[in-house]
Amino acid sequence: MKIVEKNILGIIPARYASTRFPAKMLADIQGKPMIQHVYERASEAKCLDKLVVATDNQNIVDVVKGFGGEVVLTREDHPSGTDRCHEALEIVRTTTKIGYDYVINIQGDEPFISPEQIELLASKLDGQTEIATLIIKALDMEKLFNVGEVKVVLDKDENGIYFSRQVIPFLRNIPQEDWLKYHIFYRHVGMYAYRADVLAQITQLTPSLLEKAESLEQLRWIENGFKIKTAITEHDSYCVDTPEDLANLLSNWTV
């Protein structure tokens, strides 16, 4: 896979006070905290020039330093991982005096993250790309109609033109149980890359009507004219949002 030579900073946002699972970044998985699993897997991605954890909690700072990772302490009041990434980028720029062309936002609660996913996303960063994200084909009806799974439709250049919790597009005159036979649907995989100057701009935008309706921040960016390039991955994402998610993950965990 050819990757355009760009200086890329990988950031793993790691908020401590998760509503449904406080301190989940420190949850034990096979003798290591979850954040360490994510960090070690992301470190295998050859496209990253630097990798840091961005957290709002000193306990996470200490744990990351304990396993030899790089970490920055950010404010507690960020509304999203995107906003935390922006502050972390500014901290890294200030402390290292190094500029970065792109930031890749790597989810801290996905211990199955694949370095190939990161490299695939980086392959879309050609200097012109403003924002990029991963998508995957929807292959089963349960996930297709699950409102917790975000769906996306593309333009001819594979830019995401709308993201929704509902199934889009609607296939008229075709029974829903047959939809997968007649159309290729895509689900969103929650990893983003931002051009550094674009990251600074989108964090200053006011929440939009579509964003509020669907509770999806990427709709704010689209409404304001930014393009989101997509890359199709074959690796699904496995998020840990609750203790039950972690229990299910551990029952299927293979090192």
Protein backbone atom coordinates (compact mmCIF):
# COMPACT_ATOMS: atom_id res chain seq x y z
CA MET A 1 0.00 0.00 0.00
CA LYS A 2 1.48 3.34 -1.06
CA ILE A 3 1.33 6.05 1.58
CA VAL A 4 1.98 9.66 0.59
CA GLU A 5 4.86 11.11 2.62
CA LYS A 6 3.11 13.22 5.22
CA ASN A 7 3.97 13.88 8.82
CA ILE A 8 1.21 12.07 10.73
CA LEU A 9 0.48 12.28 14.44
CA GLY A 10 -1.56 9.45 15.95
CA ILE A 11 -3.64 10.47 18.97
CA ILE A 12 -5.59 8.15 21.26
CA PRO A 13 -8.19 10.19 23.19
CA ALA A 14 -8.70 8.58 26.61
CA ARG A 15 -11.39 10.24 28.71
CA TYR A 16 -11.62 8.96 32.27
CA ALA A 17 -15.21 9.76 33.25
CA SER A 18 -17.16 7.70 30.72
CA THR A 19 -20.85 7.87 31.64
CA ARG A 20 -21.63 4.20 31.08
CA PHE A 21 -18.24 2.79 32.13
CA PRO A 22 -16.06 5.11 34.26
CA ALA A 23 -12.31 4.43 34.07
CA LYS A 24 -12.83 1.92 31.25
CA MET A 25 -9.47 2.85 29.72
CA LEU A 26 -7.86 1.23 32.78
CA ALA A 27 -10.00 -1.92 32.66
CA ASP A 28 -7.90 -5.08 32.86
CA ILE A 29 -7.68 -7.25 29.75
CA GLN A 30 -5.38 -10.23 30.00
CA GLY A 31 -3.21 -8.49 32.58
CA LYS A 32 -2.92 -5.16 30.76
CA PRO A 33 -5.11 -2.03 30.89
CA MET A 34 -7.23 -1.54 27.79
CA ILE A 35 -5.37 1.63 26.83
CA GLN A 36 -2.12 -0.35 26.66
CA HIS A 37 -3.62 -2.86 24.23
CA VAL A 38 -4.76 0.00 21.99
CA TYR A 39 -1.41 1.78 22.23
CA GLU A 40 0.64 -1.31 21.44
CA ARG A 41 -1.49 -2.24 18.43
CA ALA A 42 -1.47 1.33 17.10
CA SER A 43 2.31 1.46 17.54
CA GLU A 44 2.60 -1.25 14.89
CA ALA A 45 1.22 1.11 12.21
CA LYS A 46 4.21 2.16 10.13
CA CYS A 47 2.53 5.34 8.86
CA LEU A 48 2.59 7.18 12.20
CA ASP A 49 5.48 9.54 12.88
CA LYS A 50 4.45 9.87 16.53
CA LEU A 51 1.80 8.32 18.78
CA VAL A 52 0.43 9.84 22.00
CA VAL A 53 -2.43 9.26 24.39
CA ALA A 54 -4.49 12.38 25.15
CA THR A 55 -6.23 12.12 28.51
CA ASP A 56 -7.86 14.30 31.16
CA ASN A 57 -6.81 12.17 34.12
CA GLN A 58 -3.55 11.80 36.01
CA ASN A 59 -4.18 8.10 36.71
CA ILE A 60 -4.19 7.40 32.98
CA VAL A 61 -1.09 9.56 32.54
CA ASP A 62 0.73 7.45 35.14
CA VAL A 63 -0.39 4.15 33.62
CA VAL A 64 0.68 5.15 30.09
CA LYS A 65 4.06 6.34 31.30
CA GLY A 66 4.35 3.11 33.28
CA PHE A 67 4.22 0.95 30.15
CA GLY A 68 6.52 3.31 28.25
CA GLY A 69 3.95 5.18 26.17
CA GLU A 70 3.79 8.87 25.37
CA VAL A 71 0.94 10.88 26.88
CA VAL A 72 -0.32 14.45 27.20
CA LEU A 73 -2.70 15.82 29.83
CA THR A 74 -5.63 17.77 28.35
CA ARG A 75 -8.63 19.65 29.76
CA GLU A 76 -11.61 17.76 31.18
CA ASP A 77 -14.33 19.76 29.43
CA HIS A 78 -13.91 18.63 25.81
CA PRO A 79 -17.26 17.64 24.26
CA SER A 80 -15.68 15.10 21.88
CA GLY A 81 -12.54 13.19 21.02
CA THR A 82 -12.07 15.52 18.06
CA ASP A 83 -11.76 18.51 20.39
CA ARG A 84 -9.34 16.61 22.63
CA CYS A 85 -7.24 15.73 19.57
CA HIS A 86 -6.96 19.40 18.67
CA GLU A 87 -5.66 20.37 22.10
CA ALA A 88 -3.25 17.42 22.09
CA LEU A 89 -1.93 18.45 18.67
CA GLU A 90 -1.21 21.95 19.97
CA ILE A 91 0.54 20.56 23.05
CA VAL A 92 2.73 18.26 20.96
CA ARG A 93 3.55 21.04 18.51
CA THR A 94 4.56 23.34 21.36
CA THR A 95 6.69 20.81 23.22
CA THR A 96 8.40 19.20 20.22
CA LYS A 97 8.52 22.19 17.82
CA ILE A 98 7.45 19.74 15.09
CA GLY A 99 4.58 20.44 12.71
CA TYR A 100 2.19 17.70 11.62
CA ASP A 101 0.23 17.56 8.38
CA TYR A 102 -2.42 15.16 9.65
CA VAL A 103 -3.83 13.77 12.87
CA ILE A 104 -5.34 10.28 13.09
CA ASN A 105 -7.87 9.90 15.91
CA ILE A 106 -7.57 6.32 17.23
CA GLN A 107 -10.38 5.15 19.52
CA GLY A 108 -9.06 4.33 22.99
CA ASP A 109 -11.88 1.89 23.73
CA GLU A 110 -11.24 -0.47 20.81
CA PRO A 111 -8.63 -2.99 22.03
CA PHE A 112 -9.00 -5.03 18.81
CA ILE A 113 -7.81 -2.08 16.69
CA SER A 114 -5.80 -3.26 13.70
CA PRO A 115 -2.67 -1.39 12.54
CA GLU A 116 -3.81 -2.17 8.99
CA GLN A 117 -6.87 0.01 9.58
CA ILE A 118 -4.65 2.94 10.51
CA GLU A 119 -2.45 2.41 7.48
CA LEU A 120 -5.47 2.17 5.18
CA LEU A 121 -6.78 5.48 6.49
CA ALA A 122 -3.33 7.07 6.09
CA SER A 123 -3.27 5.99 2.43
CA LYS A 124 -6.08 8.50 1.77
CA LEU A 125 -4.09 11.45 3.13
CA ASP A 126 -2.74 13.09 -0.02
CA GLY A 127 -2.57 16.68 1.17
CA GLN A 128 -5.88 17.52 -0.49
CA THR A 129 -7.99 15.27 1.75
CA GLU A 130 -9.60 17.36 4.50
CA ILE A 131 -11.05 14.58 6.64
CA ALA A 132 -11.00 10.82 6.15
CA THR A 133 -12.74 7.94 7.87
CA LEU A 134 -13.28 4.18 7.58
CA ILE A 135 -16.40 2.36 6.46
CA ILE A 136 -17.29 -1.32 6.12
CA LYS A 137 -19.89 -3.16 4.07
CA ALA A 138 -23.02 -4.09 5.99
CA LEU A 139 -23.39 -7.85 5.65
CA ASP A 140 -26.17 -8.75 8.07
CA MET A 141 -29.64 -7.40 8.68
CA GLU A 142 -29.28 -7.03 12.45
CA LYS A 143 -26.46 -4.51 12.19
CA LEU A 144 -28.04 -2.81 9.20
CA PHE A 145 -31.20 -1.96 11.15
CA ASN A 146 -29.50 -1.33 14.50
CA VAL A 147 -29.76 2.41 15.27
CA GLY A 148 -26.54 2.12 17.26
CA GLU A 149 -24.73 1.37 13.99
CA VAL A 150 -24.15 4.47 11.88
CA LYS A 151 -24.77 4.09 8.17
CA VAL A 152 -23.20 6.21 5.42
CA VAL A 153 -23.91 6.99 1.77
CA LEU A 154 -21.21 7.97 -0.70
CA ASP A 155 -20.82 10.19 -3.73
CA LYS A 156 -19.05 9.05 -6.90
CA ASP A 157 -15.67 9.99 -5.40
CA GLU A 158 -16.30 7.93 -2.24
CA ASN A 159 -16.85 10.96 -0.04
CA GLY A 160 -19.40 10.44 2.70
CA ILE A 161 -22.33 12.72 1.89
CA TYR A 162 -24.60 11.69 4.77
CA PHE A 163 -24.33 9.63 7.95
CA SER A 164 -27.42 8.35 9.74
CA ARG A 165 -28.57 5.99 12.45
CA GLN A 166 -31.38 4.97 10.09
CA VAL A 167 -30.82 2.80 7.04
CA ILE A 168 -30.04 4.89 3.98
CA PRO A 169 -30.99 4.79 1.18
CA PHE A 170 -34.55 3.51 1.48
CA LEU A 171 -35.21 0.87 -1.19
CA ARG A 172 -38.70 1.50 -2.47
CA ASN A 173 -40.86 -1.47 -3.53
CA ILE A 174 -38.35 -4.00 -2.17
CA PRO A 175 -39.10 -5.96 1.02
CA GLN A 176 -36.69 -4.95 3.77
CA GLU A 177 -35.55 -8.53 4.27
CA ASP A 178 -34.20 -8.44 0.69
CA TRP A 179 -32.43 -5.08 0.82
CA LEU A 180 -28.92 -6.55 1.11
CA LYS A 181 -29.52 -8.45 -2.13
CA TYR A 182 -30.21 -5.27 -4.10
CA HIS A 183 -27.89 -2.61 -2.71
CA ILE A 184 -24.48 -2.28 -1.06
CA PHE A 185 -24.90 -0.57 2.29
CA TYR A 186 -22.02 0.77 4.38
CA ARG A 187 -21.55 1.16 8.12
CA HIS A 188 -19.25 3.72 9.69
CA VAL A 189 -16.11 2.54 11.51
CA GLY A 190 -15.22 5.23 14.03
CA MET A 191 -11.70 6.29 13.17
CA TYR A 192 -10.95 9.72 11.71
CA ALA A 193 -8.02 11.47 10.12
CA TYR A 194 -7.96 15.27 9.92
CA ARG A 195 -5.70 17.62 8.04
CA ALA A 196 -4.17 19.75 10.78
CA ASP A 197 -5.57 23.06 9.53
CA VAL A 198 -9.02 21.53 9.07
CA LEU A 199 -8.97 20.10 12.60
CA ALA A 200 -8.47 23.63 13.91
CA GLN A 201 -11.43 24.86 11.86
CA ILE A 202 -13.99 22.15 12.66
CA THR A 203 -13.45 22.47 16.40
CA GLN A 204 -14.62 26.08 16.15
CA LEU A 205 -17.91 25.26 14.42
CA THR A 206 -21.25 25.67 16.18
CA PRO A 207 -23.23 22.42 16.62
CA SER A 208 -25.59 22.06 13.68
CA LEU A 209 -29.23 21.01 13.31
CA LEU A 210 -28.44 17.67 11.69
CA GLU A 211 -25.76 16.95 14.27
CA LYS A 212 -28.24 17.58 17.07
CA ALA A 213 -30.89 15.44 15.38
CA GLU A 214 -28.67 12.38 14.87
CA SER A 215 -26.07 13.05 17.59
CA LEU A 216 -23.29 12.69 15.01
CA GLU A 217 -20.58 15.35 14.92
CA GLN A 218 -19.53 14.56 11.32
CA LEU A 219 -22.83 16.00 10.09
CA ARG A 220 -21.71 19.41 11.39
CA TRP A 221 -18.62 19.20 9.20
CA ILE A 222 -20.60 18.19 6.11
CA GLU A 223 -23.16 20.95 6.70
CA ASN A 224 -20.30 23.44 6.75
CA GLY A 225 -18.87 22.25 3.43
CA PHE A 226 -16.04 19.95 4.51
CA LYS A 227 -15.53 16.72 2.58
CA ILE A 228 -15.05 13.37 4.30
CA LYS A 229 -13.11 10.88 2.21
CA THR A 230 -13.88 7.24 3.00
CA ALA A 231 -11.81 4.07 2.86
CA ILE A 232 -13.42 0.63 2.89
CA THR A 233 -11.96 -1.68 5.52
CA GLU A 234 -12.54 -5.39 6.07
CA HIS A 235 -11.79 -5.10 9.79
CA ASP A 236 -14.84 -4.36 11.92
CA SER A 237 -14.62 -2.26 15.09
CA TYR A 238 -15.33 -3.59 18.57
CA CYS A 239 -16.06 -0.78 21.01
CA VAL A 240 -16.17 -1.21 24.78
CA ASP A 241 -18.92 1.12 26.01
CA THR A 242 -20.17 -0.83 29.02
CA PRO A 243 -18.95 -3.49 31.49
CA GLU A 244 -21.13 -5.96 29.56
CA ASP A 245 -19.23 -5.13 26.36
CA LEU A 246 -15.99 -5.91 28.17
CA ALA A 247 -17.34 -9.22 29.47
CA ASN A 248 -18.38 -10.21 25.93
CA LEU A 249 -14.99 -9.19 24.59
CA LEU A 250 -13.13 -11.21 27.22
CA SER A 251 -15.19 -14.30 26.43
CA ASN A 252 -13.98 -14.12 22.82
CA TRP A 253 -10.48 -12.70 23.44
CA THR A 254 -7.52 -14.24 21.65
CA VAL A 255 -4.02 -12.83 22.08
